[in-house]
């Protein structure tokens, strides 16, 4: 009625009618919408249309509506996410929020000291202490070297470098061997161009030499942050490529989907002829195996053939001409909207209805700050906690993890690895008991003077009572007290004896059974 009245009596222009319609529709949508996330959005930009030309833009503020950002991403043709924004805009906070929402095992590549990703509670692999052996895979070595040190502008020398890298790395077992073989080749070569190629490889290899190399790095089933902050810039790129190739091999062989998150991905985008980062292939193929989430400061850092593999592209405010030109290719409205967005707001350059309107998103979520996280983590003595919990309980590892996680507000994946390590040491030192119950290991505490089997006996007793209850056997069930010469549990029709220890002599058990007149069930 309002729309018709506006056209008939108020002489509204066509574009204003559309604006009113969008406003009314959004109000209805807002009222009916589900408030299911810490991200809110509104449509903010609409193009005024005139016959034969498009000149102006209208900002249309509609009511803010909450949005489940993970559902929004999953709805797209692929779940790859690209986040672009300059420092301080909120790029890392948005990525952290998305990572907390996701349930997959995560592998996060972090390059800055004291980075936000190191505060998330995931296991941290310090790269300088656990480096992949570069000489295990010749193809990986050559590609990693050539994206670390671009050689496009070196003329004819660049034709020799990949060949020499491949031939010499193939017969080398470590860096010392590699440099020794290179120097032999250098001394025997008379060709000045070849000598220049050998010298280039020798000089640039020195920055890549590390320590603590591992032939087989166990990545386990927990989320991991690869911390590259303590290695030099060249090593960051080189070893990132090696880790990515390890993950890619694992992905293509494993049915379990994972999420790979790479900060400042532009460092992996150099290439020479056919030599390039596995990141390029992953961006195209990973949808069958998992998700690739990545961030970089400038939208134009990534070539279009890589950007096109990301169905979600979150862009924060920027005024960089190259970025705006690339966004304008997608839709001219983006080129106008992005530099006019408020700080900390972002849009999706791949919004499904971008041809109509540019959405504006803002996140209302704040992570636990670093100092709090540190002070909490530092107060946990996992050995003491495990012993205290098992003093009066018989529990499996997931329950122990859940208790500590709730008590200290620490991510369960972090607690789990510490609990497992603590339990293995406590078992080795014979400070706690472990027993296989069905197919699950159960743990319980020891007293100073005994194995404390009475605790496990009580646990078994409760399990038996649960089974009796399931079979509706509840009346006249008698539980023997300590010191009584009675069956452990008596029912109207049968008795139950519970044996938790290893029996070398069953005389006592036979005597107890023969003294009664009911059938006996022995639970071991």
Protein backbone atom coordinates (compact mmCIF):
# COMPACT_ATOMS: atom_id res chain seq x y z
CA UNK A 1 0.00 0.00 0.00
CA UNK A 2 2.83 2.41 0.91
CA UNK A 3 4.62 1.69 -2.36
CA UNK A 4 1.51 2.27 -4.49
CA UNK A 5 0.58 5.43 -2.55
CA UNK A 6 4.10 6.73 -2.98
CA UNK A 7 3.98 6.28 -6.72
CA UNK A 8 0.46 7.73 -7.14
CA UNK A 9 0.41 10.64 -4.69
CA UNK A 10 3.99 11.53 -3.76
CA UNK A 11 5.66 11.21 -7.16
CA UNK A 12 8.55 9.13 -5.76
CA UNK A 13 11.28 8.22 -8.22
CA UNK A 14 11.72 4.59 -9.15
CA UNK A 15 14.99 4.32 -7.20
CA UNK A 16 13.41 5.78 -4.06
CA UNK A 17 10.56 3.27 -4.28
CA UNK A 18 13.13 0.48 -4.48
CA UNK A 19 14.97 1.95 -1.46
CA UNK A 20 11.76 2.01 0.60
CA UNK A 21 10.97 -1.54 -0.47
CA UNK A 22 14.43 -2.73 0.60
CA UNK A 23 14.02 -0.97 3.94
CA UNK A 24 10.61 -2.54 4.64
CA UNK A 25 11.78 -5.96 3.51
CA UNK A 26 14.85 -5.75 5.74
CA UNK A 27 12.73 -4.78 8.78
CA UNK A 28 10.54 -7.85 8.28
CA UNK A 29 13.66 -9.99 7.73
CA UNK A 30 15.23 -8.54 10.88
CA UNK A 31 12.17 -9.30 13.01
CA UNK A 32 11.98 -12.87 11.72
CA UNK A 33 15.76 -13.43 11.68
CA UNK A 34 17.66 -15.71 14.01
CA UNK A 35 20.24 -13.97 16.20
CA UNK A 36 22.88 -16.67 16.01
CA UNK A 37 26.30 -15.10 15.84
CA UNK A 38 28.75 -12.45 16.98
CA UNK A 39 28.81 -10.89 13.52
CA UNK A 40 26.20 -8.41 12.36
CA UNK A 41 25.58 -6.93 8.96
CA UNK A 42 23.47 -4.47 7.05
CA UNK A 43 23.13 -3.54 3.40
CA UNK A 44 24.81 -0.19 2.90
CA UNK A 45 25.10 0.71 -0.75
CA UNK A 46 22.71 0.95 -3.65
CA UNK A 47 23.31 2.36 -7.11
CA UNK A 48 20.97 5.11 -8.30
CA UNK A 49 19.99 4.18 -11.83
CA UNK A 50 19.09 6.58 -14.59
CA UNK A 51 18.17 5.84 -18.17
CA UNK A 52 21.35 5.15 -20.12
CA UNK A 53 23.83 5.94 -17.33
CA UNK A 54 24.84 5.05 -13.76
CA UNK A 55 26.26 7.95 -11.80
CA UNK A 56 25.54 8.03 -8.10
CA UNK A 57 25.43 5.75 -5.08
CA UNK A 58 23.04 5.79 -2.14
CA UNK A 59 23.92 4.61 1.34
CA UNK A 60 20.93 2.73 2.72
CA UNK A 61 21.14 1.92 6.42
CA UNK A 62 18.88 -0.99 7.25
CA UNK A 63 18.46 -2.61 10.69
CA UNK A 64 21.46 -4.63 11.79
CA UNK A 65 20.89 -8.38 11.78
CA UNK A 66 23.01 -11.05 13.43
CA UNK A 67 24.69 -13.59 11.19
CA UNK A 68 26.23 -17.02 11.68
CA UNK A 69 29.41 -16.39 9.72
CA UNK A 70 30.36 -20.07 9.45
CA UNK A 71 26.99 -20.95 7.91
CA UNK A 72 27.43 -18.03 5.52
CA UNK A 73 30.81 -19.43 4.40
CA UNK A 74 29.57 -23.02 4.15
CA UNK A 75 26.75 -21.90 1.86
CA UNK A 76 29.28 -20.83 -0.81
CA UNK A 77 30.55 -23.01 -3.70
CA UNK A 78 33.76 -23.58 -1.72
CA UNK A 79 34.77 -22.83 1.86
CA UNK A 80 38.07 -21.07 1.10
CA UNK A 81 38.34 -17.69 2.83
CA UNK A 82 40.58 -14.73 1.95
CA UNK A 83 40.87 -11.82 4.42
CA UNK A 84 42.54 -8.57 3.31
CA UNK A 85 43.23 -5.52 5.44
CA UNK A 86 45.98 -3.26 6.69
CA UNK A 87 47.39 -3.52 10.20
CA UNK A 88 44.98 -2.58 13.00
CA UNK A 89 41.76 -3.05 11.02
CA UNK A 90 40.76 -6.30 12.76
CA UNK A 91 41.99 -8.87 10.26
CA UNK A 92 43.53 -11.19 12.90
CA UNK A 93 40.53 -10.88 15.22
CA UNK A 94 38.18 -11.93 12.43
CA UNK A 95 40.40 -14.90 11.56
CA UNK A 96 40.61 -15.94 15.23
CA UNK A 97 36.83 -15.77 15.51
CA UNK A 98 36.39 -17.99 12.44
CA UNK A 99 38.98 -20.46 13.75
CA UNK A 100 37.19 -20.73 17.10
CA UNK A 101 33.90 -21.42 15.30
CA UNK A 102 35.30 -24.21 13.13
CA UNK A 103 35.42 -27.81 14.36
CA UNK A 104 38.09 -29.21 12.02
CA UNK A 105 41.68 -29.97 12.99
CA UNK A 106 43.59 -26.77 12.23
CA UNK A 107 47.12 -26.09 11.02
CA UNK A 108 47.94 -22.39 11.44
CA UNK A 109 51.04 -20.73 9.95
CA UNK A 110 52.16 -17.85 12.19
CA UNK A 111 55.15 -15.60 11.40
CA UNK A 112 55.19 -12.77 13.95
CA UNK A 113 56.61 -12.88 17.45
CA UNK A 114 53.87 -12.69 20.10
CA UNK A 115 51.30 -13.26 17.35
CA UNK A 116 47.58 -13.49 18.13
CA UNK A 117 47.47 -17.07 16.86
CA UNK A 118 49.96 -18.12 19.57
CA UNK A 119 47.43 -17.08 22.24
CA UNK A 120 44.59 -19.29 21.06
CA UNK A 121 45.35 -22.31 23.25
CA UNK A 122 46.32 -24.66 20.40
CA UNK A 123 49.50 -26.74 20.48
CA UNK A 124 52.51 -24.72 19.27
CA UNK A 125 55.23 -26.24 17.10
CA UNK A 126 58.31 -24.02 17.27
CA UNK A 127 59.82 -24.44 13.83
CA UNK A 128 63.42 -23.75 14.92
CA UNK A 129 63.20 -26.82 17.20
CA UNK A 130 61.47 -29.17 14.76
CA UNK A 131 62.39 -28.55 11.12
CA UNK A 132 61.36 -30.85 8.26
CA UNK A 133 64.37 -32.44 6.54
CA UNK A 134 64.66 -30.60 3.18
CA UNK A 135 66.60 -33.46 1.57
CA UNK A 136 63.82 -36.02 1.95
CA UNK A 137 61.99 -34.72 -1.15
CA UNK A 138 63.97 -33.30 -4.09
CA UNK A 139 60.93 -31.76 -5.81
CA UNK A 140 59.89 -29.98 -2.61
CA UNK A 141 63.45 -28.71 -2.07
CA UNK A 142 63.77 -27.19 -5.56
CA UNK A 143 60.35 -25.50 -5.47
CA UNK A 144 60.86 -24.17 -1.93
CA UNK A 145 64.25 -22.69 -2.86
CA UNK A 146 62.95 -20.99 -6.01
CA UNK A 147 59.96 -19.32 -4.33
CA UNK A 148 62.22 -18.18 -1.48
CA UNK A 149 64.73 -16.62 -3.86
CA UNK A 150 63.03 -15.34 -7.05
CA UNK A 151 65.35 -15.57 -10.07
CA UNK A 152 63.14 -14.19 -12.86
CA UNK A 153 65.48 -11.26 -13.58
CA UNK A 154 68.80 -13.11 -13.59
CA UNK A 155 68.95 -13.78 -17.31
CA UNK A 156 70.61 -16.96 -18.57
CA UNK A 157 71.94 -17.82 -15.08
CA UNK A 158 68.35 -18.58 -14.02
CA UNK A 159 68.22 -21.48 -16.50
CA UNK A 160 71.02 -23.31 -14.65
CA UNK A 161 69.92 -22.80 -11.05
CA UNK A 162 66.92 -25.24 -11.02
CA UNK A 163 69.02 -27.92 -12.77
CA UNK A 164 71.91 -27.60 -10.31
CA UNK A 165 69.54 -27.54 -7.32
CA UNK A 166 67.87 -30.76 -8.46
CA UNK A 167 71.05 -32.65 -9.37
CA UNK A 168 73.00 -31.78 -6.23
CA UNK A 169 70.17 -32.06 -3.67
CA UNK A 170 69.37 -35.50 -5.05
CA UNK A 171 72.81 -36.83 -3.99
CA UNK A 172 73.11 -34.88 -0.71
CA UNK A 173 72.04 -36.12 2.70
CA UNK A 174 72.18 -32.78 4.58
CA UNK A 175 73.21 -29.12 4.21
CA UNK A 176 76.90 -29.79 4.85
CA UNK A 177 76.90 -32.47 2.18
CA UNK A 178 74.97 -30.17 -0.17
CA UNK A 179 77.46 -27.28 0.23
CA UNK A 180 80.42 -29.65 -0.08
CA UNK A 181 79.08 -31.03 -3.37
CA UNK A 182 78.38 -27.50 -4.64
CA UNK A 183 81.94 -26.37 -3.89
CA UNK A 184 83.38 -29.35 -5.74
CA UNK A 185 81.26 -28.43 -8.79
CA UNK A 186 82.28 -24.78 -8.48
CA UNK A 187 86.01 -25.60 -8.44
CA UNK A 188 85.76 -27.93 -11.43
CA UNK A 189 83.65 -25.58 -13.59
CA UNK A 190 85.32 -23.23 -16.10
CA UNK A 191 82.09 -21.69 -17.42
CA UNK A 192 81.55 -18.25 -15.86
CA UNK A 193 77.74 -18.44 -16.10
CA UNK A 194 77.65 -21.85 -14.40
CA UNK A 195 80.05 -20.61 -11.71
CA UNK A 196 77.71 -17.67 -11.06
CA UNK A 197 74.80 -20.10 -10.66
CA UNK A 198 76.78 -22.25 -8.19
CA UNK A 199 77.82 -19.17 -6.20
CA UNK A 200 74.22 -17.93 -6.05
CA UNK A 201 73.03 -21.26 -4.60
CA UNK A 202 75.92 -21.45 -2.10
CA UNK A 203 75.43 -17.92 -0.77
CA UNK A 204 71.66 -18.16 -0.47
CA UNK A 205 71.69 -21.64 1.08
CA UNK A 206 73.55 -20.35 4.15
CA UNK A 207 70.47 -18.48 5.39
CA UNK A 208 68.40 -21.68 5.25
CA UNK A 209 70.64 -23.87 7.41
CA UNK A 210 68.97 -24.73 10.70
CA UNK A 211 69.16 -27.47 13.30
CA UNK A 212 66.95 -30.10 14.90
CA UNK A 213 65.85 -31.66 11.61
CA UNK A 214 63.24 -34.42 11.71
CA UNK A 215 62.71 -37.08 9.07
CA UNK A 216 59.20 -37.73 10.30
CA UNK A 217 57.32 -34.97 12.13
CA UNK A 218 54.31 -36.35 14.01
CA UNK A 219 51.46 -33.86 13.57
CA UNK A 220 48.95 -35.95 15.53
CA UNK A 221 45.22 -35.27 15.66
CA UNK A 222 45.27 -31.95 17.53
CA UNK A 223 45.26 -28.43 16.11
CA UNK A 224 48.75 -26.93 15.73
CA UNK A 225 50.19 -23.44 15.28
CA UNK A 226 53.48 -23.49 13.35
CA UNK A 227 55.51 -20.69 14.97
CA UNK A 228 58.04 -19.28 12.47
CA UNK A 229 58.80 -16.15 14.51
CA UNK A 230 62.31 -17.24 15.55
CA UNK A 231 63.66 -18.05 12.07
CA UNK A 232 64.87 -15.55 9.45
CA UNK A 233 62.69 -14.28 6.59
CA UNK A 234 64.16 -16.66 4.01
CA UNK A 235 63.62 -19.66 6.29
CA UNK A 236 60.02 -18.60 6.92
CA UNK A 237 59.19 -19.00 3.23
CA UNK A 238 61.38 -22.06 2.61
CA UNK A 239 60.16 -24.15 5.56
CA UNK A 240 56.55 -22.98 5.15
CA UNK A 241 56.62 -24.57 1.71
CA UNK A 242 58.05 -27.82 3.10
CA UNK A 243 55.40 -27.99 5.85
CA UNK A 244 52.64 -27.23 3.33
CA UNK A 245 53.80 -30.10 1.12
CA UNK A 246 53.83 -32.46 4.12
CA UNK A 247 50.24 -31.41 4.91
CA UNK A 248 49.15 -31.76 1.28
CA UNK A 249 50.49 -35.33 1.10
CA UNK A 250 48.72 -36.15 4.35
CA UNK A 251 45.48 -34.58 3.10
CA UNK A 252 45.36 -36.53 -0.15
CA UNK A 253 45.92 -39.82 1.70
CA UNK A 254 43.64 -39.17 4.68
CA UNK A 255 39.85 -39.13 4.73
CA UNK A 256 39.77 -36.70 7.67
CA UNK A 257 39.23 -33.09 6.55
CA UNK A 258 41.47 -30.37 7.96
CA UNK A 259 41.69 -26.58 7.90
CA UNK A 260 44.88 -24.79 6.84
CA UNK A 261 45.26 -21.14 7.87
CA UNK A 262 48.13 -19.07 6.46
CA UNK A 263 48.91 -15.55 7.61
CA UNK A 264 50.57 -13.16 5.11
CA UNK A 265 50.27 -15.66 2.25
CA UNK A 266 51.90 -13.32 -0.28
CA UNK A 267 55.31 -14.73 0.69
CA UNK A 268 54.35 -17.99 -1.08
CA UNK A 269 53.25 -16.45 -4.37
CA UNK A 270 56.58 -16.04 -6.17
CA UNK A 271 57.21 -18.48 -9.00
CA UNK A 272 59.64 -19.24 -11.78
CA UNK A 273 58.46 -21.03 -14.93
CA UNK A 274 56.84 -24.26 -13.74
CA UNK A 275 58.22 -23.95 -10.21
CA UNK A 276 55.67 -22.61 -7.75
CA UNK A 277 54.30 -23.13 -4.26
CA UNK A 278 51.99 -26.05 -3.53
CA UNK A 279 49.73 -23.31 -2.11
CA UNK A 280 48.53 -22.61 -5.68
CA UNK A 281 47.46 -26.22 -6.20
CA UNK A 282 45.92 -26.38 -2.73
CA UNK A 283 43.75 -23.32 -3.41
CA UNK A 284 42.28 -25.11 -6.45
CA UNK A 285 41.94 -28.64 -5.10
CA UNK A 286 41.53 -28.42 -1.31
CA UNK A 287 37.72 -28.27 -1.32
CA UNK A 288 37.69 -32.10 -1.61
CA UNK A 289 39.94 -32.45 1.43
CA UNK A 290 39.29 -29.46 3.68
CA UNK A 291 39.49 -25.67 3.79
CA UNK A 292 42.13 -23.03 3.05
CA UNK A 293 41.83 -19.77 5.00
CA UNK A 294 44.41 -17.10 4.35
CA UNK A 295 45.11 -13.44 4.99
CA UNK A 296 47.26 -10.75 3.44
CA UNK A 297 47.51 -6.98 3.73
CA UNK A 298 46.82 -6.02 0.12
CA UNK A 299 44.14 -7.49 -2.12
CA UNK A 300 46.35 -6.88 -5.18
CA UNK A 301 49.19 -8.94 -3.63
CA UNK A 302 47.43 -12.06 -4.86
CA UNK A 303 47.07 -12.64 -8.61
CA UNK A 304 43.51 -12.98 -9.87
CA UNK A 305 43.91 -16.69 -10.74
CA UNK A 306 44.60 -17.35 -7.03
CA UNK A 307 41.96 -14.96 -5.65
CA UNK A 308 39.31 -16.61 -7.83
CA UNK A 309 39.72 -19.83 -5.83
CA UNK A 310 38.29 -18.10 -2.72
CA UNK A 311 34.49 -17.99 -2.68
CA UNK A 312 34.57 -15.71 0.38
CA UNK A 313 36.75 -12.58 0.27
CA UNK A 314 36.49 -10.36 3.34
CA UNK A 315 37.87 -6.87 2.65
CA UNK A 316 38.54 -4.20 5.28
CA UNK A 317 38.82 -0.47 4.58
CA UNK A 318 41.64 0.41 2.17
CA UNK A 319 42.55 3.33 -0.06
CA UNK A 320 45.33 1.59 -2.00
CA UNK A 321 44.69 2.30 -5.68
CA UNK A 322 45.82 -1.12 -6.95
CA UNK A 323 43.45 -2.86 -4.50
CA UNK A 324 40.50 -0.63 -5.42
CA UNK A 325 41.13 -1.13 -9.15
CA UNK A 326 41.01 -4.91 -8.71
CA UNK A 327 37.84 -4.68 -6.59
CA UNK A 328 36.27 -2.41 -9.21
CA UNK A 329 36.66 -5.20 -11.78
CA UNK A 330 34.31 -7.35 -9.67
CA UNK A 331 31.79 -4.52 -9.31
CA UNK A 332 32.22 -0.71 -9.53
CA UNK A 333 30.29 -0.27 -6.26
CA UNK A 334 33.08 -2.03 -4.36
CA UNK A 335 35.63 0.51 -5.54
CA UNK A 336 33.51 3.26 -3.98
CA UNK A 337 32.34 1.39 -0.87
CA UNK A 338 35.59 -0.08 0.49
CA UNK A 339 37.46 3.22 1.14
CA UNK A 340 34.28 4.66 2.72
CA UNK A 341 33.69 1.85 5.21
CA UNK A 342 34.24 2.65 8.92
CA UNK A 343 37.30 1.21 10.62
CA UNK A 344 36.87 -2.43 11.77
CA UNK A 345 34.00 -2.97 9.30
CA UNK A 346 34.45 -5.29 6.35
CA UNK A 347 32.59 -6.50 3.29
CA UNK A 348 32.56 -9.64 1.16
CA UNK A 349 33.74 -8.99 -2.38
CA UNK A 350 32.10 -12.31 -3.33
CA UNK A 351 28.74 -11.55 -1.73
CA UNK A 352 26.17 -13.45 -3.88
CA UNK A 353 24.08 -10.29 -4.49
CA UNK A 354 27.01 -7.88 -4.93
CA UNK A 355 25.49 -6.68 -8.21
CA UNK A 356 22.62 -5.21 -6.14
CA UNK A 357 24.11 -4.14 -2.87
CA UNK A 358 27.38 -4.09 -0.90
CA UNK A 359 27.02 -5.59 2.62
CA UNK A 360 28.81 -4.16 5.62
CA UNK A 361 29.83 -6.56 8.40
CA UNK A 362 31.05 -5.77 11.89
CA UNK A 363 32.23 -8.23 14.53
CA UNK A 364 31.28 -8.00 18.23
CA UNK A 365 33.71 -10.46 19.80
CA UNK A 366 36.87 -10.12 21.86
CA UNK A 367 39.33 -12.93 22.61
CA UNK A 368 40.94 -13.61 25.98
CA UNK A 369 43.89 -11.25 26.29
CA UNK A 370 47.42 -12.60 26.38
CA UNK A 371 48.24 -11.74 30.00
CA UNK A 372 45.15 -13.54 31.30
CA UNK A 373 45.86 -16.55 29.14
CA UNK A 374 49.43 -16.72 30.38
CA UNK A 375 48.53 -16.33 34.05
CA UNK A 376 45.88 -19.03 33.78
CA UNK A 377 48.14 -21.44 31.92
CA UNK A 378 51.03 -20.91 34.31
CA UNK A 379 48.94 -21.90 37.35
CA UNK A 380 48.13 -25.38 36.06
CA UNK A 381 50.29 -28.19 37.42
CA UNK A 382 48.93 -31.08 35.39
CA UNK A 383 50.61 -33.79 37.49
CA UNK A 384 49.05 -32.46 40.68
CA UNK A 385 45.68 -31.93 39.00
CA UNK A 386 45.54 -35.48 37.60
CA UNK A 387 46.50 -37.04 40.95
CA UNK A 388 43.93 -34.90 42.79
CA UNK A 389 41.13 -35.80 40.36
CA UNK A 390 41.95 -39.53 40.46
CA UNK A 391 42.28 -39.69 44.24
CA UNK A 392 38.59 -40.55 44.63
CA UNK A 393 37.56 -41.36 41.06
CA UNK A 394 38.01 -43.91 38.30
CA UNK A 395 37.99 -41.97 35.03
CA UNK A 396 39.01 -42.08 31.39
CA UNK A 397 41.19 -39.37 29.80
CA UNK A 398 38.38 -37.36 28.08
CA UNK A 399 36.63 -36.88 31.44
CA UNK A 400 39.87 -35.76 33.15
CA UNK A 401 40.47 -33.31 30.28
CA UNK A 402 36.93 -31.94 30.55
CA UNK A 403 37.28 -31.33 34.31
CA UNK A 404 40.60 -29.42 34.01
CA UNK A 405 39.39 -27.50 30.96
CA UNK A 406 36.29 -26.26 32.84
CA UNK A 407 38.19 -25.49 36.04
CA UNK A 408 40.78 -23.32 34.28
CA UNK A 409 38.90 -22.17 31.14
CA UNK A 410 41.57 -23.60 28.83
CA UNK A 411 40.89 -25.05 25.38
CA UNK A 412 40.44 -28.84 25.60
CA UNK A 413 42.97 -29.54 22.83
CA UNK A 414 45.68 -27.85 24.93
CA UNK A 415 44.64 -29.68 28.11
CA UNK A 416 44.49 -33.06 26.36
CA UNK A 417 48.11 -33.10 25.24
CA UNK A 418 49.30 -32.07 28.73
CA UNK A 419 47.09 -34.65 30.48
CA UNK A 420 48.33 -37.44 28.20
CA UNK A 421 51.96 -36.50 28.88
CA UNK A 422 51.36 -36.28 32.64
CA UNK A 423 49.52 -39.61 32.79
CA UNK A 424 52.26 -41.46 30.89
CA UNK A 425 54.84 -40.21 33.42
CA UNK A 426 52.59 -40.97 36.42
CA UNK A 427 52.01 -44.52 35.15
CA UNK A 428 55.73 -45.01 34.58
CA UNK A 429 56.45 -43.79 38.13
CA UNK A 430 53.65 -46.05 39.48
CA UNK A 431 51.85 -43.09 41.04
CA UNK A 432 48.45 -43.97 39.53
CA UNK A 433 46.75 -47.16 38.34
CA UNK A 434 45.59 -48.00 34.84
CA UNK A 435 43.17 -50.77 33.95
CA UNK A 436 41.55 -51.76 30.66
CA UNK A 437 37.78 -51.61 31.04
CA UNK A 438 36.12 -53.01 27.89
CA UNK A 439 38.18 -51.22 25.20
CA UNK A 440 38.92 -48.08 27.25
CA UNK A 441 41.74 -47.41 29.69
CA UNK A 442 40.48 -46.22 33.06
CA UNK A 443 42.73 -44.46 35.57
CA UNK A 444 42.48 -44.21 39.35
CA UNK A 445 44.69 -43.10 42.21
CA UNK A 446 46.91 -45.06 44.56
CA UNK A 447 47.11 -44.69 48.32
CA UNK A 448 50.46 -44.51 50.08
CA UNK A 449 50.28 -48.11 51.28
CA UNK A 450 48.42 -49.99 48.53
CA UNK A 451 47.26 -50.04 44.94
CA UNK A 452 43.89 -48.75 46.19
CA UNK A 453 41.96 -51.46 44.37
CA UNK A 454 38.97 -50.78 46.63
CA UNK A 455 38.38 -47.59 44.58
CA UNK A 456 38.23 -49.59 41.37
CA UNK A 457 36.12 -52.23 43.16
CA UNK A 458 33.59 -49.52 44.02
CA UNK A 459 33.63 -48.33 40.39
CA UNK A 460 32.90 -51.90 39.17
CA UNK A 461 30.20 -52.26 41.81
CA UNK A 462 28.43 -49.15 40.52
CA UNK A 463 28.66 -50.43 36.95
CA UNK A 464 27.05 -53.72 38.01
CA UNK A 465 24.24 -51.83 39.77
CA UNK A 466 23.66 -49.83 36.57
CA UNK A 467 23.32 -53.08 34.59
CA UNK A 468 20.94 -54.54 37.17
CA UNK A 469 18.84 -51.37 36.99
CA UNK A 470 18.74 -51.56 33.19
CA UNK A 471 17.30 -55.07 33.57
CA UNK A 472 14.75 -53.85 36.14
CA UNK A 473 16.42 -55.74 39.00
CA UNK A 474 16.13 -53.21 41.82
CA UNK A 475 14.24 -54.67 44.79
CA UNK A 476 16.04 -56.61 47.52
CA UNK A 477 19.50 -55.86 46.13
CA UNK A 478 21.98 -56.06 49.03
CA UNK A 479 25.50 -54.58 48.85
CA UNK A 480 28.00 -56.05 51.30
CA UNK A 481 29.82 -53.65 53.58
CA UNK A 482 33.54 -53.84 54.16
CA UNK A 483 34.41 -56.74 56.51
CA UNK A 484 31.10 -58.61 56.03
CA UNK A 485 31.39 -62.25 54.99
CA UNK A 486 28.77 -61.86 52.26
CA UNK A 487 28.69 -61.82 48.45
CA UNK A 488 29.58 -58.38 47.09
CA UNK A 489 26.04 -57.98 45.71
CA UNK A 490 23.02 -60.20 46.44
CA UNK A 491 19.71 -60.32 44.57
CA UNK A 492 16.68 -62.54 45.10
CA UNK A 493 17.78 -65.06 42.47
CA UNK A 494 21.60 -64.86 42.28
CA UNK A 495 24.74 -63.48 43.91
CA UNK A 496 27.51 -61.42 42.31
CA UNK A 497 31.21 -61.45 43.18
CA UNK A 498 33.45 -58.68 41.81
CA UNK A 499 37.15 -59.48 41.33
CA UNK A 500 39.47 -56.57 40.52
CA UNK A 501 42.88 -58.08 41.35
CA UNK A 502 44.89 -60.94 39.87
CA UNK A 503 44.00 -64.22 41.67
CA UNK A 504 46.77 -66.73 42.32
CA UNK A 505 44.50 -68.80 44.58
CA UNK A 506 40.72 -69.10 44.22
CA UNK A 507 40.17 -71.16 47.40
CA UNK A 508 38.63 -68.22 49.22
CA UNK A 509 36.31 -67.49 46.29
CA UNK A 510 35.20 -71.14 46.09
CA UNK A 511 34.47 -71.15 49.81
CA UNK A 512 32.29 -68.04 49.58
CA UNK A 513 30.36 -69.45 46.63
CA UNK A 514 29.76 -72.85 48.21
CA UNK A 515 28.39 -71.26 51.39
CA UNK A 516 25.36 -69.90 49.54
CA UNK A 517 22.44 -71.62 47.81
CA UNK A 518 22.08 -69.32 44.78
CA UNK A 519 23.80 -69.27 41.40
CA UNK A 520 26.83 -66.94 41.29
CA UNK A 521 28.00 -64.46 38.69
CA UNK A 522 31.68 -63.50 38.88
CA UNK A 523 32.58 -60.13 37.34
CA UNK A 524 36.23 -59.65 36.42
